Amino acid sequence: MARYTLNTALGAAALSLLLVASAADAKKKKPVLPPPPPPPPAEKWVFVPYKPSPPNNASPNFVTPAVGADGLRVSVNRNISPAQTTWNLRSGYNVAALNCLEPKHAQIVVNYRAFLRTHAKALRAANLQVDSEWRGKYGAGFVKNREKYMTEVYNRFAMPPTLSAFCDAALAMSNDAKAVKVGQLDRFAAVSLPNLEIVFDDFYKRYDQYKADLAAWETKWAGYAPGTNILVPVTSPLAMAETRATAQ
């Protein structure tokens, strides 16, 4: 009887240990729930800037001239003979007299008439020399080529985006021309024509910058309506860029 009781007690104890171990294992194997998702990131309103605009209301399809080996823009007014330089200056002066119509430019016409009278002989000589140069290059049919070239010269001086700045430069040139003595026109033209070219070089530089700015805008804001506010996460590149810009 005592043996039965002892065996029974041992069995019960073993069973209890087994149940405890099973319960512990079950507790260990209980699935761990994933943590709750993080809250959505904070957002902020960001203004979409307007697209860059071409300088001086120029066409968005305008193509700037290439830069030559000398580091200057390719131009009908560069790398030409002294006679052609003088004649092109006269052509630019003519464009200014006809197209610079603001009251502040009124003196151009007065100065141009005096210029033609004072330097009539030198201008005739320059024209004859230019004809000779074109004839030597193209033969008997040179007139067509020369006229095509001169059309390009006139069109350059009369470009709408640069006309206002050109007129200012032409007015300054016309005042300087009053002091030019007979026989010194070629020397004056050699200095004055490059000075007029600065107007166009400056415009081309600003236009190239506009194209670069536009490309940067397209990279950053493509797909967004210009002039609107958009809601973006504060950690987004757009929000962070605006924060840096505001800090500056």
C-alpha atoms as a PDB file:
ATOM      1  CA  MET A   1       0.000   0.000   0.000  1.00  0.00           C
ATOM      2  CA  ALA A   2       2.837   2.327   0.864  1.00  0.00           C
ATOM      3  CA  ARG A   3       4.568   1.505  -2.408  1.00  0.00           C
ATOM      4  CA  TYR A   4       1.429   2.346  -4.364  1.00  0.00           C
ATOM      5  CA  THR A   5       1.089   5.622  -2.629  1.00  0.00           C
ATOM      6  CA  LEU A   6       4.696   6.556  -3.281  1.00  0.00           C
ATOM      7  CA  ASN A   7       4.424   5.640  -6.937  1.00  0.00           C
ATOM      8  CA  THR A   8       1.246   7.585  -7.239  1.00  0.00           C
ATOM      9  CA  ALA A   9       2.853  10.621  -5.657  1.00  0.00           C
ATOM     10  CA  LEU A  10       5.855  10.419  -7.918  1.00  0.00           C
ATOM     11  CA  GLY A  11       3.639  10.135 -10.960  1.00  0.00           C
ATOM     12  CA  ALA A  12       1.598  13.104  -9.923  1.00  0.00           C
ATOM     13  CA  ALA A  13       4.720  15.157  -9.380  1.00  0.00           C
ATOM     14  CA  ALA A  14       6.088  14.211 -12.744  1.00  0.00           C
ATOM     15  CA  LEU A  15       2.785  15.102 -14.367  1.00  0.00           C
ATOM     16  CA  SER A  16       2.803  18.467 -12.652  1.00  0.00           C
ATOM     17  CA  LEU A  17       6.309  19.187 -13.879  1.00  0.00           C
ATOM     18  CA  LEU A  18       5.280  18.194 -17.384  1.00  0.00           C
ATOM     19  CA  LEU A  19       2.277  20.495 -17.302  1.00  0.00           C
ATOM     20  CA  VAL A  20       4.379  23.360 -15.993  1.00  0.00           C
ATOM     21  CA  ALA A  21       6.972  22.821 -18.730  1.00  0.00           C
ATOM     22  CA  SER A  22       4.255  22.637 -21.369  1.00  0.00           C
ATOM     23  CA  ALA A  23       2.731  25.850 -20.115  1.00  0.00           C
ATOM     24  CA  ALA A  24       6.130  27.539 -20.187  1.00  0.00           C
ATOM     25  CA  ASP A  25       6.746  26.351 -23.729  1.00  0.00           C
ATOM     26  CA  ALA A  26       3.337  27.576 -24.779  1.00  0.00           C
ATOM     27  CA  LYS A  27       4.091  30.933 -23.234  1.00  0.00           C
ATOM     28  CA  LYS A  28       7.394  31.105 -25.063  1.00  0.00           C
ATOM     29  CA  LYS A  29       5.776  30.284 -28.389  1.00  0.00           C
ATOM     30  CA  LYS A  30       3.087  32.937 -28.103  1.00  0.00           C
ATOM     31  CA  PRO A  31       3.294  35.095 -31.290  1.00  0.00           C
ATOM     32  CA  VAL A  32       4.695  38.575 -30.853  1.00  0.00           C
ATOM     33  CA  LEU A  33       2.468  41.266 -32.328  1.00  0.00           C
ATOM     34  CA  PRO A  34       4.186  43.796 -34.644  1.00  0.00           C
ATOM     35  CA  PRO A  35       4.525  47.320 -33.330  1.00  0.00           C
ATOM     36  CA  PRO A  36       1.907  49.786 -34.481  1.00  0.00           C
ATOM     37  CA  PRO A  37       2.805  51.720 -37.647  1.00  0.00           C
ATOM     38  CA  PRO A  38       4.500  55.060 -37.089  1.00  0.00           C
ATOM     39  CA  PRO A  39       2.339  58.136 -37.451  1.00  0.00           C
ATOM     40  CA  PRO A  40       2.423  59.795 -40.880  1.00  0.00           C
ATOM     41  CA  PRO A  41       5.178  62.407 -41.206  1.00  0.00           C
ATOM     42  CA  ALA A  42       4.298  66.004 -40.612  1.00  0.00           C
ATOM     43  CA  GLU A  43       3.470  67.995 -43.724  1.00  0.00           C
ATOM     44  CA  LYS A  44       3.940  71.573 -44.813  1.00  0.00           C
ATOM     45  CA  TRP A  45       2.742  73.771 -47.623  1.00  0.00           C
ATOM     46  CA  VAL A  46       5.313  74.597 -50.276  1.00  0.00           C
ATOM     47  CA  PHE A  47       4.865  77.252 -52.956  1.00  0.00           C
ATOM     48  CA  VAL A  48       5.614  76.153 -56.516  1.00  0.00           C
ATOM     49  CA  PRO A  49       7.499  79.072 -58.115  1.00  0.00           C
ATOM     50  CA  TYR A  50       6.670  80.322 -61.553  1.00  0.00           C
ATOM     51  CA  LYS A  51       8.768  79.149 -64.457  1.00  0.00           C
ATOM     52  CA  PRO A  52      11.719  81.364 -65.371  1.00  0.00           C
ATOM     53  CA  SER A  53      10.923  83.730 -68.225  1.00  0.00           C
ATOM     54  CA  PRO A  54      13.137  84.605 -71.202  1.00  0.00           C
ATOM     55  CA  PRO A  55      14.946  87.916 -70.727  1.00  0.00           C
ATOM     56  CA  ASN A  56      13.455  90.956 -72.418  1.00  0.00           C
ATOM     57  CA  ASN A  57      10.365  88.983 -73.536  1.00  0.00           C
ATOM     58  CA  ALA A  58      12.445  87.026 -76.029  1.00  0.00           C
ATOM     59  CA  SER A  59      11.059  83.936 -77.713  1.00  0.00           C
ATOM     60  CA  PRO A  60      11.457  80.733 -75.663  1.00  0.00           C
ATOM     61  CA  ASN A  61      12.795  79.132 -78.847  1.00  0.00           C
ATOM     62  CA  PHE A  62      15.578  81.659 -79.383  1.00  0.00           C
ATOM     63  CA  VAL A  63      18.959  80.091 -80.132  1.00  0.00           C
ATOM     64  CA  THR A  64      22.048  81.948 -78.963  1.00  0.00           C
ATOM     65  CA  PRO A  65      25.099  82.010 -81.248  1.00  0.00           C
ATOM     66  CA  ALA A  66      27.971  79.671 -80.533  1.00  0.00           C
ATOM     67  CA  VAL A  67      31.158  80.873 -78.888  1.00  0.00           C
ATOM     68  CA  GLY A  68      34.091  80.976 -81.299  1.00  0.00           C
ATOM     69  CA  ALA A  69      37.671  79.859 -80.772  1.00  0.00           C
ATOM     70  CA  ASP A  70      38.506  83.404 -79.644  1.00  0.00           C
ATOM     71  CA  GLY A  71      36.036  83.116 -76.761  1.00  0.00           C
ATOM     72  CA  LEU A  72      33.591  85.562 -78.346  1.00  0.00           C
ATOM     73  CA  ARG A  73      30.163  84.911 -79.785  1.00  0.00           C
ATOM     74  CA  VAL A  74      30.029  84.278 -83.503  1.00  0.00           C
ATOM     75  CA  SER A  75      28.719  87.479 -85.078  1.00  0.00           C
ATOM     76  CA  VAL A  76      28.357  89.168 -88.449  1.00  0.00           C
ATOM     77  CA  ASN A  77      30.201  92.077 -86.862  1.00  0.00           C
ATOM     78  CA  ARG A  78      33.324  90.131 -85.932  1.00  0.00           C
ATOM     79  CA  ASN A  79      36.331  88.943 -87.931  1.00  0.00           C
ATOM     80  CA  ILE A  80      35.613  91.372 -90.754  1.00  0.00           C
ATOM     81  CA  SER A  81      37.749  93.841 -92.693  1.00  0.00           C
ATOM     82  CA  PRO A  82      38.245  97.489 -91.633  1.00  0.00           C
ATOM     83  CA  ALA A  83      36.043  98.678 -94.505  1.00  0.00           C
ATOM     84  CA  GLN A  84      33.291  96.233 -93.566  1.00  0.00           C
ATOM     85  CA  THR A  85      33.595  97.339 -89.940  1.00  0.00           C
ATOM     86  CA  THR A  86      33.059 100.957 -90.920  1.00  0.00           C
ATOM     87  CA  TRP A  87      30.157 100.065 -93.180  1.00  0.00           C
ATOM     88  CA  ASN A  88      28.511  97.903 -90.518  1.00  0.00           C
ATOM     89  CA  LEU A  89      28.799 100.719 -88.002  1.00  0.00           C
ATOM     90  CA  ARG A  90      27.058 103.008 -90.480  1.00  0.00           C
ATOM     91  CA  SER A  91      24.375 100.323 -90.904  1.00  0.00           C
ATOM     92  CA  GLY A  92      23.860 100.074 -87.166  1.00  0.00           C
ATOM     93  CA  TYR A  93      23.669 103.847 -86.939  1.00  0.00           C
ATOM     94  CA  ASN A  94      21.010 103.778 -89.662  1.00  0.00           C
ATOM     95  CA  VAL A  95      18.975 101.169 -87.778  1.00  0.00           C
ATOM     96  CA  ALA A  96      19.160 103.307 -84.652  1.00  0.00           C
ATOM     97  CA  ALA A  97      18.017 106.433 -86.496  1.00  0.00           C
ATOM     98  CA  LEU A  98      14.996 104.578 -87.884  1.00  0.00           C
ATOM     99  CA  ASN A  99      14.010 102.485 -84.867  1.00  0.00           C
ATOM    100  CA  CYS A 100      15.058 104.308 -81.696  1.00  0.00           C
ATOM    101  CA  LEU A 101      11.903 106.371 -81.357  1.00  0.00           C
ATOM    102  CA  GLU A 102      11.753 107.086 -77.637  1.00  0.00           C
ATOM    103  CA  PRO A 103      12.128 110.784 -76.768  1.00  0.00           C
ATOM    104  CA  LYS A 104      15.390 110.102 -74.918  1.00  0.00           C
ATOM    105  CA  HIS A 105      16.882 108.828 -78.186  1.00  0.00           C
ATOM    106  CA  ALA A 106      15.781 111.756 -80.348  1.00  0.00           C
ATOM    107  CA  GLN A 107      19.322 113.111 -80.663  1.00  0.00           C
ATOM    108  CA  ILE A 108      20.373 110.004 -82.623  1.00  0.00           C
ATOM    109  CA  VAL A 109      18.661 111.242 -85.795  1.00  0.00           C
ATOM    110  CA  VAL A 110      20.245 114.677 -85.486  1.00  0.00           C
ATOM    111  CA  ASN A 111      23.683 113.200 -84.924  1.00  0.00           C
ATOM    112  CA  TYR A 112      23.258 110.682 -87.736  1.00  0.00           C
ATOM    113  CA  ARG A 113      22.540 113.371 -90.301  1.00  0.00           C
ATOM    114  CA  ALA A 114      25.654 115.261 -89.230  1.00  0.00           C
ATOM    115  CA  PHE A 115      27.643 112.003 -89.347  1.00  0.00           C
ATOM    116  CA  LEU A 116      26.605 111.333 -92.949  1.00  0.00           C
ATOM    117  CA  ARG A 117      27.589 114.852 -94.019  1.00  0.00           C
ATOM    118  CA  THR A 118      30.923 114.903 -92.209  1.00  0.00           C
ATOM    119  CA  HIS A 119      32.070 111.458 -93.332  1.00  0.00           C
ATOM    120  CA  ALA A 120      30.414 111.227 -96.750  1.00  0.00           C
ATOM    121  CA  LYS A 121      33.724 110.713 -98.559  1.00  0.00           C
ATOM    122  CA  ALA A 122      34.979 108.062 -96.118  1.00  0.00           C
ATOM    123  CA  LEU A 123      31.667 106.206 -96.276  1.00  0.00           C
ATOM    124  CA  ARG A 124      31.716 106.148-100.096  1.00  0.00           C
ATOM    125  CA  ALA A 125      35.251 104.778 -99.988  1.00  0.00           C
ATOM    126  CA  ALA A 126      34.267 102.128 -97.455  1.00  0.00           C
ATOM    127  CA  ASN A 127      31.315 101.056 -99.590  1.00  0.00           C
ATOM    128  CA  LEU A 128      33.484 100.736-102.703  1.00  0.00           C
ATOM    129  CA  GLN A 129      36.074  98.746-100.779  1.00  0.00           C
ATOM    130  CA  VAL A 130      33.406  96.413 -99.409  1.00  0.00           C
ATOM    131  CA  ASP A 131      32.094  95.832-102.937  1.00  0.00           C
ATOM    132  CA  SER A 132      35.615  95.024-104.077  1.00  0.00           C
ATOM    133  CA  GLU A 133      36.083  92.528-101.244  1.00  0.00           C
ATOM    134  CA  TRP A 134      32.823  90.748-101.961  1.00  0.00           C
ATOM    135  CA  ARG A 135      33.508  90.693-105.691  1.00  0.00           C
ATOM    136  CA  GLY A 136      36.899  89.169-105.025  1.00  0.00           C
ATOM    137  CA  LYS A 137      35.303  86.457-102.904  1.00  0.00           C
ATOM    138  CA  TYR A 138      32.204  85.625-104.974  1.00  0.00           C
ATOM    139  CA  GLY A 139      32.881  86.969-108.452  1.00  0.00           C
ATOM    140  CA  ALA A 140      30.404  88.798-110.655  1.00  0.00           C
ATOM    141  CA  GLY A 141      27.402  87.535-108.668  1.00  0.00           C
ATOM    142  CA  PHE A 142      28.669  88.982-105.401  1.00  0.00           C
ATOM    143  CA  VAL A 143      25.738  91.383-104.936  1.00  0.00           C
ATOM    144  CA  LYS A 144      23.344  88.628-103.889  1.00  0.00           C
ATOM    145  CA  ASN A 145      25.769  87.371-101.253  1.00  0.00           C
ATOM    146  CA  ARG A 146      26.545  90.834 -99.981  1.00  0.00           C
ATOM    147  CA  GLU A 147      22.878  91.768 -99.684  1.00  0.00           C
ATOM    148  CA  LYS A 148      22.129  88.558 -97.797  1.00  0.00           C
ATOM    149  CA  TYR A 149      24.925  89.340 -95.374  1.00  0.00           C
ATOM    150  CA  MET A 150      23.814  92.947 -94.913  1.00  0.00           C
ATOM    151  CA  THR A 151      20.266  91.773 -94.187  1.00  0.00           C
ATOM    152  CA  GLU A 152      21.713  89.734 -91.341  1.00  0.00           C
ATOM    153  CA  VAL A 153      23.573  92.812 -90.120  1.00  0.00           C
ATOM    154  CA  TYR A 154      20.440  94.962 -90.099  1.00  0.00           C
ATOM    155  CA  ASN A 155      18.358  92.237 -88.466  1.00  0.00           C
ATOM    156  CA  ARG A 156      20.935  91.842 -85.727  1.00  0.00           C
ATOM    157  CA  PHE A 157      20.860  95.511 -84.811  1.00  0.00           C
ATOM    158  CA  ALA A 158      17.054  95.562 -84.906  1.00  0.00           C
ATOM    159  CA  MET A 159      16.438  92.478 -82.717  1.00  0.00           C
ATOM    160  CA  PRO A 160      13.389  93.325 -80.548  1.00  0.00           C
ATOM    161  CA  PRO A 161      14.756  91.876 -77.270  1.00  0.00           C
ATOM    162  CA  THR A 162      17.878  94.038 -77.449  1.00  0.00           C
ATOM    163  CA  LEU A 163      16.512  97.119 -79.184  1.00  0.00           C
ATOM    164  CA  SER A 164      16.155  99.257 -76.066  1.00  0.00           C
ATOM    165  CA  ALA A 165      19.701  98.547 -74.868  1.00  0.00           C
ATOM    166  CA  PHE A 166      21.002  98.937 -78.417  1.00  0.00           C
ATOM    167  CA  CYS A 167      19.378 102.358 -78.689  1.00  0.00           C
ATOM    168  CA  ASP A 168      21.040 103.460 -75.457  1.00  0.00           C
ATOM    169  CA  ALA A 169      24.417 102.288 -76.761  1.00  0.00           C
ATOM    170  CA  ALA A 170      23.792 103.881 -80.161  1.00  0.00           C
ATOM    171  CA  LEU A 171      22.967 107.207 -78.527  1.00  0.00           C
ATOM    172  CA  ALA A 172      26.260 107.147 -76.633  1.00  0.00           C
ATOM    173  CA  MET A 173      28.091 106.210 -79.827  1.00  0.00           C
ATOM    174  CA  SER A 174      26.397 108.993 -81.783  1.00  0.00           C
ATOM    175  CA  ASN A 175      27.491 111.569 -79.224  1.00  0.00           C
ATOM    176  CA  ASP A 176      31.067 110.270 -79.364  1.00  0.00           C
ATOM    177  CA  ALA A 177      30.972 110.363 -83.165  1.00  0.00           C
ATOM    178  CA  LYS A 178      30.490 114.127 -83.143  1.00  0.00           C
ATOM    179  CA  ALA A 179      34.120 114.499 -82.082  1.00  0.00           C
ATOM    180  CA  VAL A 180      35.505 112.242 -84.834  1.00  0.00           C
ATOM    181  CA  LYS A 181      37.460 114.234 -87.391  1.00  0.00           C
ATOM    182  CA  VAL A 182      37.562 113.604 -91.116  1.00  0.00           C
ATOM    183  CA  GLY A 183      39.955 110.789 -91.887  1.00  0.00           C
ATOM    184  CA  GLN A 184      39.523 109.096 -88.508  1.00  0.00           C
ATOM    185  CA  LEU A 185      36.302 107.198 -89.173  1.00  0.00           C
ATOM    186  CA  ASP A 186      37.859 103.755 -89.614  1.00  0.00           C
ATOM    187  CA  ARG A 187      39.687 104.087 -86.312  1.00  0.00           C
ATOM    188  CA  PHE A 188      36.466 105.162 -84.590  1.00  0.00           C
ATOM    189  CA  ALA A 189      34.527 102.269 -86.138  1.00  0.00           C
ATOM    190  CA  ALA A 190      37.140  99.741 -84.990  1.00  0.00           C
ATOM    191  CA  VAL A 191      36.388 100.734 -81.392  1.00  0.00           C
ATOM    192  CA  SER A 192      32.692 101.575 -81.600  1.00  0.00           C
ATOM    193  CA  LEU A 193      31.364  98.486 -83.384  1.00  0.00           C
ATOM    194  CA  PRO A 194      32.746  96.108 -80.704  1.00  0.00           C
ATOM    195  CA  ASN A 195      31.188  98.373 -78.078  1.00  0.00           C
ATOM    196  CA  LEU A 196      27.787  97.924 -79.720  1.00  0.00           C
ATOM    197  CA  GLU A 197      28.351  94.171 -79.728  1.00  0.00           C
ATOM    198  CA  ILE A 198      28.476  94.207 -75.929  1.00  0.00           C
ATOM    199  CA  VAL A 199      24.707  94.746 -75.971  1.00  0.00           C
ATOM    200  CA  PHE A 200      24.147  91.447 -77.743  1.00  0.00           C
ATOM    201  CA  ASP A 201      26.790  89.543 -75.795  1.00  0.00           C
ATOM    202  CA  ASP A 202      25.095  90.572 -72.563  1.00  0.00           C
ATOM    203  CA  PHE A 203      21.697  89.444 -73.828  1.00  0.00           C
ATOM    204  CA  TYR A 204      23.031  86.081 -74.985  1.00  0.00           C
ATOM    205  CA  LYS A 205      24.644  85.516 -71.594  1.00  0.00           C
ATOM    206  CA  ARG A 206      21.377  86.243 -69.807  1.00  0.00           C
ATOM    207  CA  TYR A 207      19.451  84.053 -72.214  1.00  0.00           C
ATOM    208  CA  ASP A 208      21.801  81.120 -71.620  1.00  0.00           C
ATOM    209  CA  GLN A 209      21.299  81.619 -67.875  1.00  0.00           C
ATOM    210  CA  TYR A 210      17.535  81.575 -68.411  1.00  0.00           C
ATOM    211  CA  LYS A 211      17.813  78.217 -70.199  1.00  0.00           C
ATOM    212  CA  ALA A 212      19.869  76.815 -67.319  1.00  0.00           C
ATOM    213  CA  ASP A 213      17.362  78.131 -64.770  1.00  0.00           C
ATOM    214  CA  LEU A 214      14.478  76.655 -66.753  1.00  0.00           C
ATOM    215  CA  ALA A 215      16.144  73.239 -66.879  1.00  0.00           C
ATOM    216  CA  ALA A 216      16.647  73.363 -63.103  1.00  0.00           C
ATOM    217  CA  TRP A 217      12.989  74.330 -62.616  1.00  0.00           C
ATOM    218  CA  GLU A 218      11.827  71.435 -64.791  1.00  0.00           C
ATOM    219  CA  THR A 219      13.974  68.997 -62.823  1.00  0.00           C
ATOM    220  CA  LYS A 220      12.586  70.156 -59.481  1.00  0.00           C
ATOM    221  CA  TRP A 221       8.990  71.140 -60.205  1.00  0.00           C
ATOM    222  CA  ALA A 222       7.885  69.146 -63.266  1.00  0.00           C
ATOM    223  CA  GLY A 223       4.334  67.896 -62.729  1.00  0.00           C
ATOM    224  CA  TYR A 224       3.307  70.758 -60.438  1.00  0.00           C
ATOM    225  CA  ALA A 225       1.301  73.784 -61.485  1.00  0.00           C
ATOM    226  CA  PRO A 226       3.367  76.976 -61.264  1.00  0.00           C
ATOM    227  CA  GLY A 227       2.095  79.523 -58.778  1.00  0.00           C
ATOM    228  CA  THR A 228       0.268  77.007 -56.563  1.00  0.00           C
ATOM    229  CA  ASN A 229       0.793  75.646 -53.049  1.00  0.00           C
ATOM    230  CA  ILE A 230       1.333  71.920 -52.568  1.00  0.00           C
ATOM    231  CA  LEU A 231       1.277  69.840 -49.369  1.00  0.00           C
ATOM    232  CA  VAL A 232       4.410  67.718 -48.963  1.00  0.00           C
ATOM    233  CA  PRO A 233       6.087  65.850 -46.081  1.00  0.00           C
ATOM    234  CA  VAL A 234       8.482  68.025 -44.117  1.00  0.00           C
ATOM    235  CA  THR A 235      11.203  65.468 -44.833  1.00  0.00           C
ATOM    236  CA  SER A 236      10.762  65.689 -48.615  1.00  0.00           C
ATOM    237  CA  PRO A 237      13.494  67.361 -50.689  1.00  0.00           C
ATOM    238  CA  LEU A 238      11.052  70.089 -51.747  1.00  0.00           C
ATOM    239  CA  ALA A 239      10.216  71.029 -48.153  1.00  0.00           C
ATOM    240  CA  MET A 240      13.818  70.852 -47.014  1.00  0.00           C
ATOM    241  CA  ALA A 241      14.996  72.988 -49.925  1.00  0.00           C
ATOM    242  CA  GLU A 242      12.450  75.666 -49.079  1.00  0.00           C
ATOM    243  CA  THR A 243      13.521  75.570 -45.434  1.00  0.00           C
ATOM    244  CA  ARG A 244      17.149  76.152 -46.426  1.00  0.00           C
ATOM    245  CA  ALA A 245      16.164  78.953 -48.793  1.00  0.00           C
ATOM    246  CA  THR A 246      14.127  80.643 -46.038  1.00  0.00           C
ATOM    247  CA  ALA A 247      17.038  80.351 -43.616  1.00  0.00           C
ATOM    248  CA  GLN A 248      19.311  82.129 -46.070  1.00  0.00           C
END
